[in-house]
Structures are given as structure tokens and as C-alpha cells.
Amino acid sequence: MTKTLPAVVGRRSLSSSEDWRTMSASDRLEAVQRIRVFAPDARDCLTRLDERLRGGGPVTSGGAGLLVTGPDGIGKHSLVKHLANSHPPVPSQTIASRGIIVVPPIARPDPVSLTEAIELAAEWRWRERQANGAGPAFQVNRICKALGTRVLAFDRALFLCTQHAIAVEAVPFLVGIMDASQALVVLVGPEVLERRIKATRGLSSRFFKWRLKPIAYGPYWTATVKQFDERLPFENGCLTCETMPERLYVACWGKIPRFAQLAVEAARNRLTQRKSIDALGMADFHRAYAELEPDERTNPFDPQYALSVLRDMVARGPQVSASDLTGAS
């Protein structure tokens, strides 16, 4: 596989001709918040789902769903949120079409409750209820057809599970949607969700799996930091100078959304707490990390940690294979 750099996307990036020094502090903070970085595996997953939403063909074969998993903080929720924001409802004189419906967690995963949650997410509840005798899956398929929905995503989908598998009452509901609907069913959740799917009769072989992984420490990580740094409304080189790449890696262990969140908080500190706001400094990240991880005793932005110490931390931390960049199966 040809390795490509992580993708930085957003509604608008600062152009090289734009002088960020003329921007207000609030506009600069908003510019930082707009930056989105996706590692290669997340970007590939996002691209395929985007093609599905645009009618470019199915992501998987008919009757199958997509399972997106990964460790906490890897960006599963961010990916679905970005996808939904990129494909907002399209108004019409009759009914607004929705390429994607994102279903949030609910207390009970029974078919009736799931149908009601989907109706709420699709703003459908005021419309005609399902026909007498028709099941919940029929109603959901009817909604997806009427709205032109191409992706039905269950966010933080562990709510569908019992302790060991997918809830028994939810299985025929999901199967009914996958077999009859034009919408691709996407379950998004932690790695344990994949084990629950495997333990569920009727679903164990029905999902195409996409596992999101952190970026490995090394050239890919350096390139990611550099890409992000180039789009910040601060002096170029803030994140790539001296030991910053190593400190940033230890702070988020290659999890891109965590890295972006840290940068936003550091920018907020710089813009609200400092007299000079031209460049982000290690002190800004030190404070941001302390705020995001109040129970963590080791702050990687402590000046006492030399490069050798930081690299030793990396070596003793979670190991990510640089050759294992995509997790599709």
C-alpha cells in the first residue's frame, strides 16, 4: 500500500496570503477549532462513507453493515459528527432529505425504542405513523426511503449490547434494516463492540469491519504535526520546534482527535491568558494538558523532561506498528 500523509480538512483553512495577525482572538480560536485531522485509516473510512452518501455505490455488499471500532479517543464520534456536518439535510417543499441519520445512545435497545430514536433523529415523529401490523424495521426502511437516507449510523453503539452480545431484541431489527433498506447500517463504538458482534448469532458475519488506530511515532507523526502546525493562526514552527513532537505524542499517544483537542485548549490559553499571542508555547500546552488530565501526575510538557526521557516514555508507551495504518477487514 502506498503511504500517504494524514489529511487535514475543514470548512476553511487559512490561506498563505491571509495575515492572521489582523484577526481577533475569537476568530483565531475559531480557526483552530475548524482544523480537522484524520489519520490514513480514518480518512479512508470517511472517504468511502462520503462516496456512499453521494450515491457513488455501496460501501459493502448488499445485506451487510459496517462496524467502525477503535480505542477511546481515536475519533470515532468525531468522524461520524464530521460526516453528518458535511451532509446536512437538504430542504424541499415537502420533506427535507437526509443522506445520513445519526442515532444517539438510548436507554433501551428494543425495536420500538430504536424506531422512536430514529424518528427523532430524522425529525419524523410528527408525520404519519407506521401502518397497522407493520414492524419497526419496516417503519425505519420507510423513513430512509422517504428521506433518501444512504447511511444510518448508530453512534456509541455499545448501547445496543448486553454484557456479552447484541441485545436479542435488537438483532431482527438490525437484520430487517440491512436486508430491505437502501441505507447502510453503521455501528460505531469501542473495540469491545466487535467482540459482542462476533458473539451474536445472526450478526457475526454480517459486518464489514473498520478498525481505527493511532498513528505510530516516527515520520508519520512528525508529518501530521507539521501539517497541523502550518494551518494554525500562530507563528509557523510552534509545534515542530525542539522536543514538541515528542511531547505532543506522549500527551495523546498518536490519537489525532486528542492531539487536536489539546491544540485547541493550548490556543485558548494563549489567546486569553498571555500578552503576546503570536506563538503557542510549551507553557500553553502544559496548562492545557493539566486541565484535560487533572488526575495525571506526569505532564509531558514539563521542561524537566529531556529528549532522551521523552523518547524513553514513547518506547514504554502503547506500541503502534508503522506498517499497520489501515484496519479494514
Protein backbone atom coordinates (compact mmCIF):
# COMPACT_ATOMS: atom_id res chain seq x y z
CA MET A 1 0.00 0.00 0.00
CA THR A 2 1.26 3.46 -0.87
CA LYS A 3 1.59 5.51 2.27
CA THR A 4 0.09 8.97 2.16
CA LEU A 5 0.12 11.76 4.67
CA PRO A 6 -2.77 12.23 7.06
CA ALA A 7 -5.42 14.54 5.67
CA VAL A 8 -6.23 17.93 7.17
CA VAL A 9 -9.73 19.03 6.29
CA GLY A 10 -12.06 21.80 7.37
CA ARG A 11 -14.65 24.23 6.12
CA ARG A 12 -11.96 26.84 5.57
CA SER A 13 -8.22 26.83 6.17
CA LEU A 14 -6.12 29.94 6.46
CA SER A 15 -4.60 30.82 3.12
CA SER A 16 -0.94 31.70 2.80
CA SER A 17 -1.91 35.26 1.90
CA GLU A 18 -4.13 35.76 4.93
CA ASP A 19 -2.49 37.66 7.79
CA TRP A 20 -3.69 36.02 10.97
CA ARG A 21 -2.23 38.92 12.98
CA THR A 22 -5.17 41.03 11.84
CA MET A 23 -7.69 38.52 13.14
CA SER A 24 -9.37 38.92 16.51
CA ALA A 25 -8.58 36.41 19.26
CA SER A 26 -12.01 34.81 18.91
CA ASP A 27 -11.59 34.41 15.13
CA ARG A 28 -8.20 32.83 15.61
CA LEU A 29 -9.55 30.40 18.16
CA GLU A 30 -12.39 29.52 15.77
CA ALA A 31 -9.81 28.93 13.03
CA VAL A 32 -8.01 26.42 15.27
CA GLN A 33 -11.28 24.68 16.10
CA ARG A 34 -12.12 24.31 12.39
CA ILE A 35 -8.99 22.30 11.64
CA ARG A 36 -9.73 18.60 11.27
CA VAL A 37 -7.02 15.98 11.00
CA PHE A 38 -7.71 12.38 10.05
CA ALA A 39 -5.12 9.61 10.10
CA PRO A 40 -4.97 7.47 6.92
CA ASP A 41 -7.32 4.75 8.16
CA ALA A 42 -9.95 7.22 9.42
CA ARG A 43 -9.63 9.28 6.26
CA ASP A 44 -10.15 6.21 4.06
CA CYS A 45 -13.23 5.23 6.05
CA LEU A 46 -14.55 8.79 5.80
CA THR A 47 -13.92 8.86 2.04
CA ARG A 48 -15.83 5.64 1.44
CA LEU A 49 -18.78 6.74 3.55
CA ASP A 50 -18.76 10.09 1.78
CA GLU A 51 -18.95 8.28 -1.58
CA ARG A 52 -21.87 6.26 -0.29
CA LEU A 53 -23.67 9.43 0.77
CA ARG A 54 -23.11 10.99 -2.63
CA GLY A 55 -24.59 7.95 -4.35
CA GLY A 56 -21.28 6.60 -5.60
CA GLY A 57 -22.16 2.99 -4.84
CA PRO A 58 -22.34 0.74 -1.79
CA VAL A 59 -19.52 0.58 0.75
CA THR A 60 -20.20 -3.12 1.27
CA SER A 61 -22.12 -5.86 -0.46
CA GLY A 62 -25.90 -5.95 -0.09
CA GLY A 63 -27.30 -7.07 3.24
CA ALA A 64 -24.14 -6.17 5.15
CA GLY A 65 -23.34 -3.39 7.60
CA LEU A 66 -20.23 -1.50 8.59
CA LEU A 67 -18.63 -1.71 12.03
CA VAL A 68 -16.27 1.16 12.96
CA THR A 69 -14.28 0.49 16.13
CA GLY A 70 -11.15 1.71 17.86
CA PRO A 71 -9.72 2.71 21.24
CA ASP A 72 -11.11 5.58 23.29
CA GLY A 73 -10.15 8.98 21.91
CA ILE A 74 -9.30 7.72 18.42
CA GLY A 75 -12.00 9.85 16.79
CA LYS A 76 -14.92 7.53 16.08
CA HIS A 77 -17.52 10.02 17.28
CA SER A 78 -15.66 12.91 15.60
CA LEU A 79 -15.68 11.04 12.30
CA VAL A 80 -19.45 10.48 12.37
CA LYS A 81 -20.08 14.06 13.50
CA HIS A 82 -17.89 15.44 10.71
CA LEU A 83 -19.66 13.23 8.17
CA ALA A 84 -23.08 14.45 9.33
CA ASN A 85 -21.97 18.09 9.29
CA SER A 86 -20.63 17.62 5.76
CA HIS A 87 -24.01 16.30 4.59
CA PRO A 88 -26.68 18.43 6.27
CA PRO A 89 -30.39 17.94 5.49
CA VAL A 90 -31.44 19.36 2.12
CA PRO A 91 -34.68 21.40 2.43
CA SER A 92 -37.50 20.89 -0.04
CA GLN A 93 -41.14 21.90 -0.37
CA THR A 94 -42.32 18.56 1.01
CA ILE A 95 -39.70 16.91 3.18
CA ALA A 96 -36.03 17.56 3.82
CA SER A 97 -33.83 14.75 2.52
CA ARG A 98 -31.22 13.35 4.90
CA GLY A 99 -28.29 11.47 3.45
CA ILE A 100 -27.23 10.37 6.93
CA ILE A 101 -29.20 9.82 10.12
CA VAL A 102 -27.10 9.62 13.30
CA VAL A 103 -28.82 7.76 16.12
CA PRO A 104 -27.54 8.67 19.62
CA PRO A 105 -27.43 6.17 22.51
CA ILE A 106 -30.72 5.37 24.20
CA ALA A 107 -31.60 3.56 27.41
CA ARG A 108 -33.35 0.52 25.92
CA PRO A 109 -32.35 -1.16 22.62
CA ASP A 110 -35.75 -2.71 21.90
CA PRO A 111 -37.17 -2.20 18.38
CA VAL A 112 -39.87 0.28 19.41
CA SER A 113 -37.42 2.48 21.34
CA LEU A 114 -34.90 2.30 18.49
CA THR A 115 -37.54 3.28 15.96
CA GLU A 116 -38.60 6.25 18.09
CA ALA A 117 -34.95 7.33 18.43
CA ILE A 118 -34.52 7.18 14.65
CA GLU A 119 -37.75 9.14 14.14
CA LEU A 120 -36.48 11.83 16.50
CA ALA A 121 -33.08 11.98 14.81
CA ALA A 122 -34.81 12.28 11.43
CA GLU A 123 -37.41 14.78 12.74
CA TRP A 124 -40.11 12.39 11.58
CA ARG A 125 -42.34 11.98 14.64
CA TRP A 126 -44.94 14.48 13.50
CA ARG A 127 -45.54 12.52 10.32
CA GLU A 128 -47.78 9.53 9.69
CA ARG A 129 -47.05 6.63 11.99
CA GLN A 130 -46.40 3.15 10.68
CA ALA A 131 -49.24 1.13 9.22
CA ASN A 132 -51.07 -1.30 11.50
CA GLY A 133 -49.30 -4.65 11.64
CA ALA A 134 -46.03 -3.33 10.18
CA GLY A 135 -42.93 -3.88 12.29
CA PRO A 136 -40.41 -1.27 13.50
CA ALA A 137 -37.83 -2.26 10.85
CA PHE A 138 -40.47 -1.63 8.17
CA GLN A 139 -41.08 1.84 9.57
CA VAL A 140 -37.35 2.64 9.58
CA ASN A 141 -36.95 1.42 5.99
CA ARG A 142 -39.94 3.57 5.05
CA ILE A 143 -38.33 6.62 6.66
CA CYS A 144 -34.97 6.00 4.97
CA LYS A 145 -36.65 5.61 1.58
CA ALA A 146 -38.72 8.78 2.01
CA LEU A 147 -35.74 10.85 3.12
CA GLY A 148 -33.26 9.39 0.65
CA THR A 149 -31.09 8.21 3.53
CA ARG A 150 -27.93 6.39 2.48
CA VAL A 151 -26.27 5.91 5.88
CA LEU A 152 -27.96 5.02 9.17
CA ALA A 153 -25.26 5.41 11.86
CA PHE A 154 -25.66 4.25 15.46
CA ASP A 155 -23.18 6.36 17.42
CA ARG A 156 -21.61 4.92 20.58
CA ALA A 157 -23.39 1.71 19.64
CA LEU A 158 -22.39 -0.22 22.74
CA PHE A 159 -25.85 0.74 24.00
CA LEU A 160 -27.17 -1.99 21.67
CA CYS A 161 -25.36 -4.65 23.68
CA THR A 162 -25.91 -6.75 26.74
CA GLN A 163 -22.90 -7.90 28.74
CA HIS A 164 -21.87 -10.49 26.17
CA ALA A 165 -23.59 -9.81 22.83
CA ILE A 166 -26.01 -7.59 20.92
CA ALA A 167 -29.38 -7.48 22.72
CA VAL A 168 -31.58 -10.31 21.43
CA GLU A 169 -34.49 -7.99 20.63
CA ALA A 170 -32.25 -5.68 18.56
CA VAL A 171 -30.94 -8.41 16.22
CA PRO A 172 -34.03 -8.90 13.98
CA PHE A 173 -34.46 -5.13 13.89
CA LEU A 174 -30.95 -4.59 12.52
CA VAL A 175 -31.20 -7.55 10.15
CA GLY A 176 -34.55 -6.26 8.84
CA ILE A 177 -32.99 -2.90 8.00
CA MET A 178 -29.89 -4.37 6.38
CA ASP A 179 -31.90 -6.78 4.24
CA ALA A 180 -34.53 -4.34 2.97
CA SER A 181 -33.22 -0.77 3.23
CA GLN A 182 -31.16 1.27 0.81
CA ALA A 183 -29.33 2.70 3.85
CA LEU A 184 -26.04 1.28 5.05
CA VAL A 185 -26.19 0.41 8.76
CA VAL A 186 -23.05 1.69 10.53
CA LEU A 187 -22.30 0.78 14.14
CA VAL A 188 -19.70 2.99 15.81
CA GLY A 189 -18.16 2.06 19.15
CA PRO A 190 -15.21 0.77 21.19
CA GLU A 191 -13.19 -2.33 20.31
CA VAL A 192 -15.31 -4.50 22.63
CA LEU A 193 -18.25 -3.91 20.29
CA GLU A 194 -16.59 -6.12 17.68
CA ARG A 195 -16.39 -8.98 20.19
CA ARG A 196 -20.08 -8.54 21.03
CA ILE A 197 -20.95 -8.69 17.32
CA LYS A 198 -18.94 -11.88 16.89
CA ALA A 199 -20.82 -13.46 19.80
CA THR A 200 -24.23 -12.65 18.29
CA ARG A 201 -25.99 -15.27 16.20
CA GLY A 202 -27.31 -13.74 13.01
CA LEU A 203 -24.87 -10.81 13.01
CA SER A 204 -21.43 -12.35 13.48
CA SER A 205 -20.65 -12.44 9.75
CA ARG A 206 -22.81 -9.56 8.56
CA PHE A 207 -20.50 -6.63 9.24
CA PHE A 208 -17.57 -5.28 7.27
CA LYS A 209 -15.11 -4.13 9.95
CA TRP A 210 -13.03 -0.96 10.01
CA ARG A 211 -10.67 -0.57 12.94
CA LEU A 212 -9.25 2.91 13.55
CA LYS A 213 -5.75 3.02 15.01
CA PRO A 214 -3.41 5.68 16.42
CA ILE A 215 -0.53 6.97 14.33
CA ALA A 216 2.83 5.40 15.12
CA TYR A 217 5.64 7.55 16.50
CA GLY A 218 8.05 8.45 13.72
CA PRO A 219 7.94 10.18 10.31
CA TYR A 220 4.14 9.91 10.03
CA TRP A 221 3.67 11.57 13.36
CA THR A 222 6.15 14.34 12.51
CA ALA A 223 4.36 14.94 9.19
CA THR A 224 1.00 15.14 10.98
CA VAL A 225 2.29 17.70 13.47
CA LYS A 226 3.84 19.72 10.65
CA GLN A 227 0.60 19.70 8.63
CA PHE A 228 -1.42 20.86 11.60
CA ASP A 229 1.20 23.46 12.52
CA GLU A 230 1.10 25.00 9.05
CA ARG A 231 -2.62 25.71 9.41
CA LEU A 232 -2.51 27.29 12.84
CA PRO A 233 -3.08 31.07 13.07
CA PHE A 234 0.17 31.34 15.04
CA GLU A 235 3.84 31.52 14.16
CA ASN A 236 4.81 28.56 11.98
CA GLY A 237 7.02 26.10 13.85
CA CYS A 238 5.23 26.25 17.21
CA LEU A 239 4.57 22.51 17.24
CA THR A 240 7.67 21.29 15.45
CA CYS A 241 10.41 23.07 17.40
CA GLU A 242 12.85 21.22 19.67
CA THR A 243 11.09 18.48 21.67
CA MET A 244 7.49 19.44 20.89
CA PRO A 245 6.71 16.50 18.53
CA GLU A 246 7.77 14.04 21.23
CA ARG A 247 5.87 15.87 23.97
CA LEU A 248 2.73 16.03 21.83
CA TYR A 249 2.97 12.32 21.06
CA VAL A 250 3.27 11.33 24.71
CA ALA A 251 0.33 13.63 25.51
CA CYS A 252 -2.04 11.86 23.11
CA TRP A 253 -0.27 8.60 22.11
CA GLY A 254 -0.89 9.14 18.42
CA LYS A 255 -4.63 9.76 18.75
CA ILE A 256 -5.26 12.59 16.33
CA PRO A 257 -8.53 13.95 17.80
CA ARG A 258 -6.87 14.08 21.22
CA PHE A 259 -3.98 15.97 19.68
CA ALA A 260 -6.39 18.46 18.06
CA GLN A 261 -8.28 18.94 21.33
CA LEU A 262 -5.03 19.65 23.13
CA ALA A 263 -4.05 22.23 20.50
CA VAL A 264 -7.43 23.98 20.84
CA GLU A 265 -7.07 24.25 24.62
CA ALA A 266 -3.48 25.47 24.30
CA ALA A 267 -4.62 28.12 21.80
CA ARG A 268 -7.39 29.15 24.14
CA ASN A 269 -4.85 29.59 26.95
CA ARG A 270 -2.52 31.63 24.75
CA LEU A 271 -5.28 33.91 23.45
CA THR A 272 -6.90 34.56 26.82
CA GLN A 273 -4.03 34.39 29.31
CA ARG A 274 -0.98 35.83 27.56
CA LYS A 275 0.03 39.31 26.49
CA SER A 276 1.93 38.02 23.47
CA ILE A 277 -0.27 35.90 21.22
CA ASP A 278 1.99 35.39 18.21
CA ALA A 279 3.15 31.87 19.03
CA LEU A 280 1.96 28.91 21.05
CA GLY A 281 4.41 27.92 23.76
CA MET A 282 5.13 24.82 25.78
CA ALA A 283 3.62 26.55 28.83
CA ASP A 284 0.29 26.80 26.99
CA PHE A 285 0.30 23.06 26.34
CA HIS A 286 1.44 22.37 29.91
CA ARG A 287 -1.62 24.14 31.24
CA ALA A 288 -3.92 22.59 28.62
CA TYR A 289 -2.74 19.08 29.48
CA ALA A 290 -3.22 19.72 33.20
CA GLU A 291 -6.78 20.86 32.50
CA LEU A 292 -7.62 17.90 30.28
CA GLU A 293 -5.90 15.33 32.52
CA PRO A 294 -6.32 16.67 36.08
CA ASP A 295 -5.55 13.26 37.64
CA GLU A 296 -2.41 12.60 35.62
CA ARG A 297 0.78 13.20 37.61
CA THR A 298 3.15 13.12 34.63
CA ASN A 299 2.81 16.17 32.41
CA PRO A 300 4.86 15.62 29.21
CA PHE A 301 5.19 19.40 28.76
CA ASP A 302 7.18 19.77 31.96
CA PRO A 303 10.50 21.39 30.95
CA GLN A 304 12.42 18.91 33.14
CA TYR A 305 11.90 16.13 30.60
CA ALA A 306 14.79 16.00 28.14
CA LEU A 307 14.53 14.45 24.67
CA SER A 308 16.04 11.17 25.84
CA VAL A 309 13.48 10.91 28.64
CA LEU A 310 10.61 11.66 26.28
CA ARG A 311 11.74 9.04 23.78
CA ASP A 312 12.02 6.54 26.61
CA MET A 313 8.41 7.37 27.53
CA VAL A 314 7.40 6.72 23.93
CA ALA A 315 9.23 3.38 23.92
CA ARG A 316 7.43 2.32 27.11
CA GLY A 317 4.03 3.55 25.94
CA PRO A 318 1.39 1.89 23.74
CA GLN A 319 3.08 0.49 20.66
CA VAL A 320 1.63 1.17 17.23
CA SER A 321 3.02 -0.51 14.13
CA ALA A 322 4.02 1.99 11.46
CA SER A 323 3.13 -0.55 8.76
CA ASP A 324 -0.35 -1.18 10.14
CA LEU A 325 -2.04 2.01 9.03
CA THR A 326 -5.41 0.73 7.89
CA GLY A 327 -7.72 -1.58 9.76
CA ALA A 328 -10.26 -2.66 7.18
CA SER A 329 -11.29 -6.31 7.04
